[in-house]
Amino acid sequence: MISRNALSFSEKKVSRNAVITLIMGIVELVGFIILMLVSIASHGNVGIAGGLIGCLLVILAFFGVLWGVLSYDDVKTNQQFKISGICLNIIVIFLGITLIML
């Protein structure tokens, strides 16, 4: 008797590169939220250090997009987190550019 909940051999493993891309996007987004909260708490006096941290987060977001787009994955891996990670990194880039322009 075969169980319906048994894993099939055709099920794909999640790609490590996709998970790295998603984690990078989440970390960068959390970094911008923390930077924004510190800026609000200090009434906008984050100084040069805040600008450098913001620029560093934008550079890391560009790297995250490149990592997600250019990383090679087998056909056998599941790409379920790669698109969301790339989109999250693009959101971080636009958020960073917006905050730098303000």
PDB file of N, CA and C in Angstrom:
ATOM      1  N   MET A   1       0.841  -1.169   0.000  1.00  0.00           N
ATOM      2  CA  MET A   1       0.000   0.000   0.000  1.00  0.00           C
ATOM      3  C   MET A   1       0.892   1.240   0.000  1.00  0.00           C
ATOM      4  N   ILE A   2       0.641   2.158  -0.892  1.00  0.00           N
ATOM      5  CA  ILE A   2       1.455   3.363  -1.037  1.00  0.00           C
ATOM      6  C   ILE A   2       0.755   4.526  -0.340  1.00  0.00           C
ATOM      7  N   SER A   3       1.518   5.232   0.455  1.00  0.00           N
ATOM      8  CA  SER A   3       0.982   6.391   1.164  1.00  0.00           C
ATOM      9  C   SER A   3       0.905   7.583   0.213  1.00  0.00           C
ATOM     10  N   ARG A   4      -0.120   8.395   0.360  1.00  0.00           N
ATOM     11  CA  ARG A   4      -0.265   9.575  -0.490  1.00  0.00           C
ATOM     12  C   ARG A   4       0.713  10.673  -0.097  1.00  0.00           C
ATOM     13  N   ASN A   5       1.188  10.663   1.137  1.00  0.00           N
ATOM     14  CA  ASN A   5       2.089  11.707   1.609  1.00  0.00           C
ATOM     15  C   ASN A   5       3.556  11.392   1.340  1.00  0.00           C
ATOM     16  N   ALA A   6       3.833  10.280   0.719  1.00  0.00           N
ATOM     17  CA  ALA A   6       5.223   9.907   0.452  1.00  0.00           C
ATOM     18  C   ALA A   6       5.809  10.821  -0.620  1.00  0.00           C
ATOM     19  N   LEU A   7       7.071  11.147  -0.470  1.00  0.00           N
ATOM     20  CA  LEU A   7       7.749  12.001  -1.442  1.00  0.00           C
ATOM     21  C   LEU A   7       8.031  11.212  -2.711  1.00  0.00           C
ATOM     22  N   SER A   8       7.823  11.843  -3.823  1.00  0.00           N
ATOM     23  CA  SER A   8       8.117  11.171  -5.085  1.00  0.00           C
ATOM     24  C   SER A   8       9.563  11.447  -5.483  1.00  0.00           C
ATOM     25  N   PHE A   9      10.080  10.629  -6.358  1.00  0.00           N
ATOM     26  CA  PHE A   9      11.451  10.805  -6.823  1.00  0.00           C
ATOM     27  C   PHE A   9      11.585  12.000  -7.758  1.00  0.00           C
ATOM     28  N   SER A  10      10.478  12.470  -8.293  1.00  0.00           N
ATOM     29  CA  SER A  10      10.544  13.607  -9.209  1.00  0.00           C
ATOM     30  C   SER A  10      10.537  14.947  -8.482  1.00  0.00           C
ATOM     31  N   GLU A  11      10.353  14.949  -7.162  1.00  0.00           N
ATOM     32  CA  GLU A  11      10.338  16.202  -6.413  1.00  0.00           C
ATOM     33  C   GLU A  11      11.744  16.799  -6.375  1.00  0.00           C
ATOM     34  N   LYS A  12      11.824  18.102  -6.598  1.00  0.00           N
ATOM     35  CA  LYS A  12      13.115  18.763  -6.715  1.00  0.00           C
ATOM     36  C   LYS A  12      13.570  19.325  -5.369  1.00  0.00           C
ATOM     37  N   LYS A  13      14.888  19.361  -5.180  1.00  0.00           N
ATOM     38  CA  LYS A  13      15.449  19.995  -3.994  1.00  0.00           C
ATOM     39  C   LYS A  13      15.509  21.501  -4.219  1.00  0.00           C
ATOM     40  N   VAL A  14      15.457  22.259  -3.113  1.00  0.00           N
ATOM     41  CA  VAL A  14      15.539  23.711  -3.209  1.00  0.00           C
ATOM     42  C   VAL A  14      16.983  24.106  -3.486  1.00  0.00           C
ATOM     43  N   SER A  15      17.164  25.051  -4.379  1.00  0.00           N
ATOM     44  CA  SER A  15      18.494  25.503  -4.770  1.00  0.00           C
ATOM     45  C   SER A  15      19.150  26.298  -3.646  1.00  0.00           C
ATOM     46  N   ARG A  16      20.413  26.027  -3.385  1.00  0.00           N
ATOM     47  CA  ARG A  16      21.161  26.756  -2.355  1.00  0.00           C
ATOM     48  C   ARG A  16      21.365  28.209  -2.779  1.00  0.00           C
ATOM     49  N   ASN A  17      21.604  28.449  -4.054  1.00  0.00           N
ATOM     50  CA  ASN A  17      21.771  29.820  -4.542  1.00  0.00           C
ATOM     51  C   ASN A  17      20.495  30.632  -4.393  1.00  0.00           C
ATOM     52  N   ALA A  18      19.350  29.998  -4.580  1.00  0.00           N
ATOM     53  CA  ALA A  18      18.080  30.695  -4.409  1.00  0.00           C
ATOM     54  C   ALA A  18      17.869  31.097  -2.960  1.00  0.00           C
ATOM     55  N   VAL A  19      18.219  30.229  -2.034  1.00  0.00           N
ATOM     56  CA  VAL A  19      18.068  30.541  -0.610  1.00  0.00           C
ATOM     57  C   VAL A  19      19.034  31.653  -0.206  1.00  0.00           C
ATOM     58  N   ILE A  20      20.267  31.625  -0.727  1.00  0.00           N
ATOM     59  CA  ILE A  20      21.239  32.682  -0.432  1.00  0.00           C
ATOM     60  C   ILE A  20      20.724  34.025  -0.946  1.00  0.00           C
ATOM     61  N   THR A  21      20.149  34.044  -2.137  1.00  0.00           N
ATOM     62  CA  THR A  21      19.602  35.281  -2.702  1.00  0.00           C
ATOM     63  C   THR A  21      18.478  35.823  -1.836  1.00  0.00           C
ATOM     64  N   LEU A  22      17.589  34.948  -1.380  1.00  0.00           N
ATOM     65  CA  LEU A  22      16.476  35.376  -0.541  1.00  0.00           C
ATOM     66  C   LEU A  22      16.969  35.884   0.803  1.00  0.00           C
ATOM     67  N   ILE A  23      17.917  35.200   1.423  1.00  0.00           N
ATOM     68  CA  ILE A  23      18.439  35.624   2.724  1.00  0.00           C
ATOM     69  C   ILE A  23      19.152  36.966   2.600  1.00  0.00           C
ATOM     70  N   MET A  24      19.904  37.175   1.518  1.00  0.00           N
ATOM     71  CA  MET A  24      20.567  38.464   1.313  1.00  0.00           C
ATOM     72  C   MET A  24      19.545  39.589   1.217  1.00  0.00           C
ATOM     73  N   GLY A  25      18.465  39.372   0.502  1.00  0.00           N
ATOM     74  CA  GLY A  25      17.426  40.394   0.379  1.00  0.00           C
ATOM     75  C   GLY A  25      16.763  40.703   1.704  1.00  0.00           C
ATOM     76  N   ILE A  26      16.491  39.673   2.503  1.00  0.00           N
ATOM     77  CA  ILE A  26      15.861  39.882   3.803  1.00  0.00           C
ATOM     78  C   ILE A  26      16.791  40.647   4.733  1.00  0.00           C
ATOM     79  N   VAL A  27      18.070  40.284   4.762  1.00  0.00           N
ATOM     80  CA  VAL A  27      19.038  40.962   5.635  1.00  0.00           C
ATOM     81  C   VAL A  27      19.185  42.427   5.232  1.00  0.00           C
ATOM     82  N   GLU A  28      19.239  42.699   3.939  1.00  0.00           N
ATOM     83  CA  GLU A  28      19.368  44.082   3.481  1.00  0.00           C
ATOM     84  C   GLU A  28      18.123  44.890   3.804  1.00  0.00           C
ATOM     85  N   LEU A  29      16.949  44.304   3.654  1.00  0.00           N
ATOM     86  CA  LEU A  29      15.713  45.005   3.979  1.00  0.00           C
ATOM     87  C   LEU A  29      15.638  45.311   5.468  1.00  0.00           C
ATOM     88  N   VAL A  30      16.017  44.364   6.304  1.00  0.00           N
ATOM     89  CA  VAL A  30      16.041  44.597   7.752  1.00  0.00           C
ATOM     90  C   VAL A  30      17.054  45.688   8.091  1.00  0.00           C
ATOM     91  N   GLY A  31      18.198  45.694   7.401  1.00  0.00           N
ATOM     92  CA  GLY A  31      19.200  46.740   7.619  1.00  0.00           C
ATOM     93  C   GLY A  31      18.655  48.122   7.303  1.00  0.00           C
ATOM     94  N   PHE A  32      17.913  48.249   6.204  1.00  0.00           N
ATOM     95  CA  PHE A  32      17.330  49.545   5.862  1.00  0.00           C
ATOM     96  C   PHE A  32      16.248  49.949   6.855  1.00  0.00           C
ATOM     97  N   ILE A  33      15.473  49.003   7.339  1.00  0.00           N
ATOM     98  CA  ILE A  33      14.447  49.325   8.335  1.00  0.00           C
ATOM     99  C   ILE A  33      15.102  49.813   9.619  1.00  0.00           C
ATOM    100  N   ILE A  34      16.179  49.153  10.054  1.00  0.00           N
ATOM    101  CA  ILE A  34      16.899  49.592  11.252  1.00  0.00           C
ATOM    102  C   ILE A  34      17.500  50.975  11.030  1.00  0.00           C
ATOM    103  N   LEU A  35      18.093  51.198   9.864  1.00  0.00           N
ATOM    104  CA  LEU A  35      18.674  52.503   9.549  1.00  0.00           C
ATOM    105  C   LEU A  35      17.602  53.587   9.534  1.00  0.00           C
ATOM    106  N   MET A  36      16.417  53.270   9.012  1.00  0.00           N
ATOM    107  CA  MET A  36      15.324  54.231   8.988  1.00  0.00           C
ATOM    108  C   MET A  36      14.830  54.540  10.397  1.00  0.00           C
ATOM    109  N   LEU A  37      14.714  53.517  11.244  1.00  0.00           N
ATOM    110  CA  LEU A  37      14.263  53.737  12.618  1.00  0.00           C
ATOM    111  C   LEU A  37      15.273  54.555  13.413  1.00  0.00           C
ATOM    112  N   VAL A  38      16.567  54.305  13.202  1.00  0.00           N
ATOM    113  CA  VAL A  38      17.603  55.100  13.874  1.00  0.00           C
ATOM    114  C   VAL A  38      17.548  56.544  13.397  1.00  0.00           C
ATOM    115  N   SER A  39      17.300  56.742  12.116  1.00  0.00           N
ATOM    116  CA  SER A  39      17.195  58.092  11.576  1.00  0.00           C
ATOM    117  C   SER A  39      15.994  58.828  12.153  1.00  0.00           C
ATOM    118  N   ILE A  40      14.878  58.132  12.296  1.00  0.00           N
ATOM    119  CA  ILE A  40      13.685  58.754  12.875  1.00  0.00           C
ATOM    120  C   ILE A  40      13.912  59.067  14.348  1.00  0.00           C
ATOM    121  N   ALA A  41      14.528  58.148  15.078  1.00  0.00           N
ATOM    122  CA  ALA A  41      14.757  58.352  16.510  1.00  0.00           C
ATOM    123  C   ALA A  41      15.736  59.493  16.774  1.00  0.00           C
ATOM    124  N   SER A  42      16.702  59.686  15.874  1.00  0.00           N
ATOM    125  CA  SER A  42      17.692  60.753  16.076  1.00  0.00           C
ATOM    126  C   SER A  42      17.318  62.031  15.326  1.00  0.00           C
ATOM    127  N   HIS A  43      16.096  62.110  14.819  1.00  0.00           N
ATOM    128  CA  HIS A  43      15.579  63.273  14.085  1.00  0.00           C
ATOM    129  C   HIS A  43      16.435  63.599  12.866  1.00  0.00           C
ATOM    130  N   GLY A  44      16.902  62.583  12.181  1.00  0.00           N
ATOM    131  CA  GLY A  44      17.634  62.751  10.933  1.00  0.00           C
ATOM    132  C   GLY A  44      19.115  62.990  11.084  1.00  0.00           C
ATOM    133  N   ASN A  45      19.645  62.840  12.270  1.00  0.00           N
ATOM    134  CA  ASN A  45      21.069  63.090  12.501  1.00  0.00           C
ATOM    135  C   ASN A  45      21.863  61.789  12.505  1.00  0.00           C
ATOM    136  N   VAL A  46      21.841  61.071  11.405  1.00  0.00           N
ATOM    137  CA  VAL A  46      22.633  59.840  11.334  1.00  0.00           C
ATOM    138  C   VAL A  46      24.029  60.100  10.790  1.00  0.00           C
ATOM    139  N   GLY A  47      24.219  61.231  10.141  1.00  0.00           N
ATOM    140  CA  GLY A  47      25.543  61.638   9.700  1.00  0.00           C
ATOM    141  C   GLY A  47      26.105  60.805   8.565  1.00  0.00           C
ATOM    142  N   ILE A  48      27.419  60.877   8.449  1.00  0.00           N
ATOM    143  CA  ILE A  48      28.122  60.190   7.368  1.00  0.00           C
ATOM    144  C   ILE A  48      28.040  58.679   7.532  1.00  0.00           C
ATOM    145  N   ALA A  49      28.059  58.203   8.763  1.00  0.00           N
ATOM    146  CA  ALA A  49      28.005  56.752   8.996  1.00  0.00           C
ATOM    147  C   ALA A  49      26.708  56.154   8.445  1.00  0.00           C
ATOM    148  N   GLY A  50      25.595  56.845   8.638  1.00  0.00           N
ATOM    149  CA  GLY A  50      24.323  56.362   8.101  1.00  0.00           C
ATOM    150  C   GLY A  50      24.315  56.329   6.587  1.00  0.00           C
ATOM    151  N   GLY A  51      24.910  57.351   5.958  1.00  0.00           N
ATOM    152  CA  GLY A  51      25.006  57.368   4.503  1.00  0.00           C
ATOM    153  C   GLY A  51      25.879  56.259   3.969  1.00  0.00           C
ATOM    154  N   LEU A  52      26.988  56.005   4.661  1.00  0.00           N
ATOM    155  CA  LEU A  52      27.876  54.923   4.227  1.00  0.00           C
ATOM    156  C   LEU A  52      27.213  53.559   4.384  1.00  0.00           C
ATOM    157  N   ILE A  53      26.484  53.383   5.482  1.00  0.00           N
ATOM    158  CA  ILE A  53      25.773  52.114   5.686  1.00  0.00           C
ATOM    159  C   ILE A  53      24.701  51.938   4.612  1.00  0.00           C
ATOM    160  N   GLY A  54      23.976  53.013   4.288  1.00  0.00           N
ATOM    161  CA  GLY A  54      22.964  52.941   3.236  1.00  0.00           C
ATOM    162  C   GLY A  54      23.559  52.598   1.882  1.00  0.00           C
ATOM    163  N   CYS A  55      24.695  53.225   1.555  1.00  0.00           N
ATOM    164  CA  CYS A  55      25.366  52.918   0.279  1.00  0.00           C
ATOM    165  C   CYS A  55      25.863  51.479   0.252  1.00  0.00           C
ATOM    166  N   LEU A  56      26.383  51.015   1.380  1.00  0.00           N
ATOM    167  CA  LEU A  56      26.849  49.627   1.459  1.00  0.00           C
ATOM    168  C   LEU A  56      25.696  48.648   1.253  1.00  0.00           C
ATOM    169  N   LEU A  57      24.536  48.954   1.832  1.00  0.00           N
ATOM    170  CA  LEU A  57      23.376  48.083   1.649  1.00  0.00           C
ATOM    171  C   LEU A  57      22.915  48.071   0.189  1.00  0.00           C
ATOM    172  N   VAL A  58      22.980  49.212  -0.487  1.00  0.00           N
ATOM    173  CA  VAL A  58      22.602  49.253  -1.905  1.00  0.00           C
ATOM    174  C   VAL A  58      23.585  48.438  -2.743  1.00  0.00           C
ATOM    175  N   ILE A  59      24.884  48.552  -2.437  1.00  0.00           N
ATOM    176  CA  ILE A  59      25.884  47.758  -3.168  1.00  0.00           C
ATOM    177  C   ILE A  59      25.654  46.268  -2.937  1.00  0.00           C
ATOM    178  N   LEU A  60      25.343  45.889  -1.697  1.00  0.00           N
ATOM    179  CA  LEU A  60      25.042  44.483  -1.413  1.00  0.00           C
ATOM    180  C   LEU A  60      23.778  44.025  -2.138  1.00  0.00           C
ATOM    181  N   ALA A  61      22.804  44.918  -2.279  1.00  0.00           N
ATOM    182  CA  ALA A  61      21.584  44.562  -3.010  1.00  0.00           C
ATOM    183  C   ALA A  61      21.881  44.344  -4.493  1.00  0.00           C
ATOM    184  N   PHE A  62      22.742  45.188  -5.078  1.00  0.00           N
ATOM    185  CA  PHE A  62      23.156  44.954  -6.465  1.00  0.00           C
ATOM    186  C   PHE A  62      23.852  43.601  -6.595  1.00  0.00           C
ATOM    187  N   PHE A  63      24.718  43.291  -5.637  1.00  0.00           N
ATOM    188  CA  PHE A  63      25.392  41.997  -5.655  1.00  0.00           C
ATOM    189  C   PHE A  63      24.384  40.857  -5.513  1.00  0.00           C
ATOM    190  N   GLY A  64      23.356  41.049  -4.677  1.00  0.00           N
ATOM    191  CA  GLY A  64      22.322  40.026  -4.516  1.00  0.00           C
ATOM    192  C   GLY A  64      21.552  39.771  -5.797  1.00  0.00           C
ATOM    193  N   VAL A  65      21.257  40.846  -6.540  1.00  0.00           N
ATOM    194  CA  VAL A  65      20.566  40.677  -7.822  1.00  0.00           C
ATOM    195  C   VAL A  65      21.464  39.929  -8.805  1.00  0.00           C
ATOM    196  N   LEU A  66      22.727  40.336  -8.877  1.00  0.00           N
ATOM    197  CA  LEU A  66      23.651  39.648  -9.782  1.00  0.00           C
ATOM    198  C   LEU A  66      23.842  38.190  -9.386  1.00  0.00           C
ATOM    199  N   TRP A  67      23.932  37.934  -8.081  1.00  0.00           N
ATOM    200  CA  TRP A  67      24.071  36.560  -7.596  1.00  0.00           C
ATOM    201  C   TRP A  67      22.870  35.724  -8.025  1.00  0.00           C
ATOM    202  N   GLY A  68      21.676  36.279  -7.864  1.00  0.00           N
ATOM    203  CA  GLY A  68      20.478  35.532  -8.219  1.00  0.00           C
ATOM    204  C   GLY A  68      20.336  35.294  -9.704  1.00  0.00           C
ATOM    205  N   VAL A  69      20.701  36.287 -10.505  1.00  0.00           N
ATOM    206  CA  VAL A  69      20.525  36.165 -11.950  1.00  0.00           C
ATOM    207  C   VAL A  69      21.611  35.297 -12.575  1.00  0.00           C
ATOM    208  N   LEU A  70      22.853  35.473 -12.142  1.00  0.00           N
ATOM    209  CA  LEU A  70      23.968  34.818 -12.809  1.00  0.00           C
ATOM    210  C   LEU A  70      24.375  33.477 -12.203  1.00  0.00           C
ATOM    211  N   SER A  71      23.834  33.126 -11.045  1.00  0.00           N
ATOM    212  CA  SER A  71      24.237  31.854 -10.432  1.00  0.00           C
ATOM    213  C   SER A  71      23.641  30.685 -11.213  1.00  0.00           C
ATOM    214  N   TYR A  72      24.442  29.666 -11.378  1.00  0.00           N
ATOM    215  CA  TYR A  72      24.039  28.494 -12.154  1.00  0.00           C
ATOM    216  C   TYR A  72      23.399  27.469 -11.231  1.00  0.00           C
ATOM    217  N   ASP A  73      22.260  26.961 -11.633  1.00  0.00           N
ATOM    218  CA  ASP A  73      21.581  25.898 -10.905  1.00  0.00           C
ATOM    219  C   ASP A  73      21.214  24.792 -11.883  1.00  0.00           C
ATOM    220  N   ASP A  74      21.247  23.584 -11.385  1.00  0.00           N
ATOM    221  CA  ASP A  74      20.857  22.446 -12.212  1.00  0.00           C
ATOM    222  C   ASP A  74      19.370  22.496 -12.521  1.00  0.00           C
ATOM    223  N   VAL A  75      18.999  21.751 -13.508  1.00  0.00           N
ATOM    224  CA  VAL A  75      17.587  21.622 -13.841  1.00  0.00           C
ATOM    225  C   VAL A  75      16.866  20.854 -12.737  1.00  0.00           C
ATOM    226  N   LYS A  76      17.614  20.075 -11.976  1.00  0.00           N
ATOM    227  CA  LYS A  76      17.017  19.237 -10.945  1.00  0.00           C
ATOM    228  C   LYS A  76      16.632  20.011  -9.691  1.00  0.00           C
ATOM    229  N   THR A  77      17.015  21.299  -9.587  1.00  0.00           N
ATOM    230  CA  THR A  77      16.717  22.054  -8.374  1.00  0.00           C
ATOM    231  C   THR A  77      15.484  22.917  -8.559  1.00  0.00           C
ATOM    232  N   ASN A  78      14.824  23.176  -7.458  1.00  0.00           N
ATOM    233  CA  ASN A  78      13.626  23.994  -7.442  1.00  0.00           C
ATOM    234  C   ASN A  78      14.034  25.456  -7.298  1.00  0.00           C
ATOM    235  N   GLN A  79      13.481  26.318  -8.116  1.00  0.00           N
ATOM    236  CA  GLN A  79      13.843  27.739  -8.114  1.00  0.00           C
ATOM    237  C   GLN A  79      12.823  28.588  -7.362  1.00  0.00           C
ATOM    238  N   GLN A  80      12.136  28.020  -6.393  1.00  0.00           N
ATOM    239  CA  GLN A  80      11.007  28.704  -5.792  1.00  0.00           C
ATOM    240  C   GLN A  80      11.403  29.971  -5.043  1.00  0.00           C
ATOM    241  N   PHE A  81      12.597  30.050  -4.462  1.00  0.00           N
ATOM    242  CA  PHE A  81      12.993  31.232  -3.703  1.00  0.00           C
ATOM    243  C   PHE A  81      13.819  32.215  -4.522  1.00  0.00           C
ATOM    244  N   LYS A  82      14.253  31.839  -5.702  1.00  0.00           N
ATOM    245  CA  LYS A  82      15.162  32.692  -6.470  1.00  0.00           C
ATOM    246  C   LYS A  82      14.465  33.952  -6.972  1.00  0.00           C
ATOM    247  N   ILE A  83      13.286  33.824  -7.536  1.00  0.00           N
ATOM    248  CA  ILE A  83      12.576  34.987  -8.067  1.00  0.00           C
ATOM    249  C   ILE A  83      12.199  35.938  -6.941  1.00  0.00           C
ATOM    250  N   SER A  84      11.727  35.412  -5.820  1.00  0.00           N
ATOM    251  CA  SER A  84      11.369  36.288  -4.703  1.00  0.00           C
ATOM    252  C   SER A  84      12.597  36.967  -4.125  1.00  0.00           C
ATOM    253  N   GLY A  85      13.735  36.286  -4.099  1.00  0.00           N
ATOM    254  CA  GLY A  85      14.971  36.903  -3.619  1.00  0.00           C
ATOM    255  C   GLY A  85      15.443  38.007  -4.539  1.00  0.00           C
ATOM    256  N   ILE A  86      15.362  37.786  -5.849  1.00  0.00           N
ATOM    257  CA  ILE A  86      15.754  38.822  -6.811  1.00  0.00           C
ATOM    258  C   ILE A  86      14.829  40.027  -6.689  1.00  0.00           C
ATOM    259  N   CYS A  87      13.532  39.790  -6.582  1.00  0.00           N
ATOM    260  CA  CYS A  87      12.579  40.898  -6.437  1.00  0.00           C
ATOM    261  C   CYS A  87      12.816  41.664  -5.143  1.00  0.00           C
ATOM    262  N   LEU A  88      13.109  40.957  -4.065  1.00  0.00           N
ATOM    263  CA  LEU A  88      13.379  41.605  -2.785  1.00  0.00           C
ATOM    264  C   LEU A  88      14.637  42.462  -2.865  1.00  0.00           C
ATOM    265  N   ASN A  89      15.667  41.981  -3.541  1.00  0.00           N
ATOM    266  CA  ASN A  89      16.880  42.775  -3.719  1.00  0.00           C
ATOM    267  C   ASN A  89      16.618  44.009  -4.581  1.00  0.00           C
ATOM    268  N   ILE A  90      15.786  43.899  -5.592  1.00  0.00           N
ATOM    269  CA  ILE A  90      15.442  45.060  -6.419  1.00  0.00           C
ATOM    270  C   ILE A  90      14.656  46.080  -5.602  1.00  0.00           C
ATOM    271  N   ILE A  91      13.757  45.617  -4.747  1.00  0.00           N
ATOM    272  CA  ILE A  91      13.025  46.522  -3.857  1.00  0.00           C
ATOM    273  C   ILE A  91      13.990  47.252  -2.935  1.00  0.00           C
ATOM    274  N   VAL A  92      14.983  46.538  -2.412  1.00  0.00           N
ATOM    275  CA  VAL A  92      15.981  47.158  -1.539  1.00  0.00           C
ATOM    276  C   VAL A  92      16.775  48.216  -2.302  1.00  0.00           C
ATOM    277  N   ILE A  93      17.099  47.962  -3.561  1.00  0.00           N
ATOM    278  CA  ILE A  93      17.823  48.957  -4.367  1.00  0.00           C
ATOM    279  C   ILE A  93      16.985  50.226  -4.518  1.00  0.00           C
ATOM    280  N   PHE A  94      15.708  50.083  -4.873  1.00  0.00           N
ATOM    281  CA  PHE A  94      14.860  51.263  -5.029  1.00  0.00           C
ATOM    282  C   PHE A  94      14.642  51.975  -3.701  1.00  0.00           C
ATOM    283  N   LEU A  95      14.496  51.222  -2.624  1.00  0.00           N
ATOM    284  CA  LEU A  95      14.356  51.827  -1.299  1.00  0.00           C
ATOM    285  C   LEU A  95      15.617  52.600  -0.930  1.00  0.00           C
ATOM    286  N   GLY A  96      16.769  52.018  -1.215  1.00  0.00           N
ATOM    287  CA  GLY A  96      18.032  52.690  -0.910  1.00  0.00           C
ATOM    288  C   GLY A  96      18.220  53.954  -1.714  1.00  0.00           C
ATOM    289  N   ILE A  97      17.903  53.912  -2.997  1.00  0.00           N
ATOM    290  CA  ILE A  97      18.026  55.111  -3.831  1.00  0.00           C
ATOM    291  C   ILE A  97      17.062  56.187  -3.343  1.00  0.00           C
ATOM    292  N   THR A  98      15.860  55.789  -2.954  1.00  0.00           N
ATOM    293  CA  THR A  98      14.886  56.751  -2.440  1.00  0.00           C
ATOM    294  C   THR A  98      15.376  57.387  -1.148  1.00  0.00           C
ATOM    295  N   LEU A  99      15.896  56.584  -0.233  1.00  0.00           N
ATOM    296  CA  LEU A  99      16.370  57.137   1.036  1.00  0.00           C
ATOM    297  C   LEU A  99      17.609  58.001   0.849  1.00  0.00           C
ATOM    298  N   ILE A 100      18.471  57.640  -0.087  1.00  0.00           N
ATOM    299  CA  ILE A 100      19.659  58.459  -0.338  1.00  0.00           C
ATOM    300  C   ILE A 100      19.256  59.800  -0.954  1.00  0.00           C
ATOM    301  N   MET A 101      18.238  59.804  -1.810  1.00  0.00           N
ATOM    302  CA  MET A 101      17.786  61.052  -2.429  1.00  0.00           C
ATOM    303  C   MET A 101      17.109  61.972  -1.420  1.00  0.00           C
ATOM    304  N   LEU A 102      16.524  61.422  -0.369  1.00  0.00           N
ATOM    305  CA  LEU A 102      15.880  62.266   0.640  1.00  0.00           C
ATOM    306  C   LEU A 102      16.948  62.932   1.462  1.00  0.00           C
TER     307      LEU A 102
END
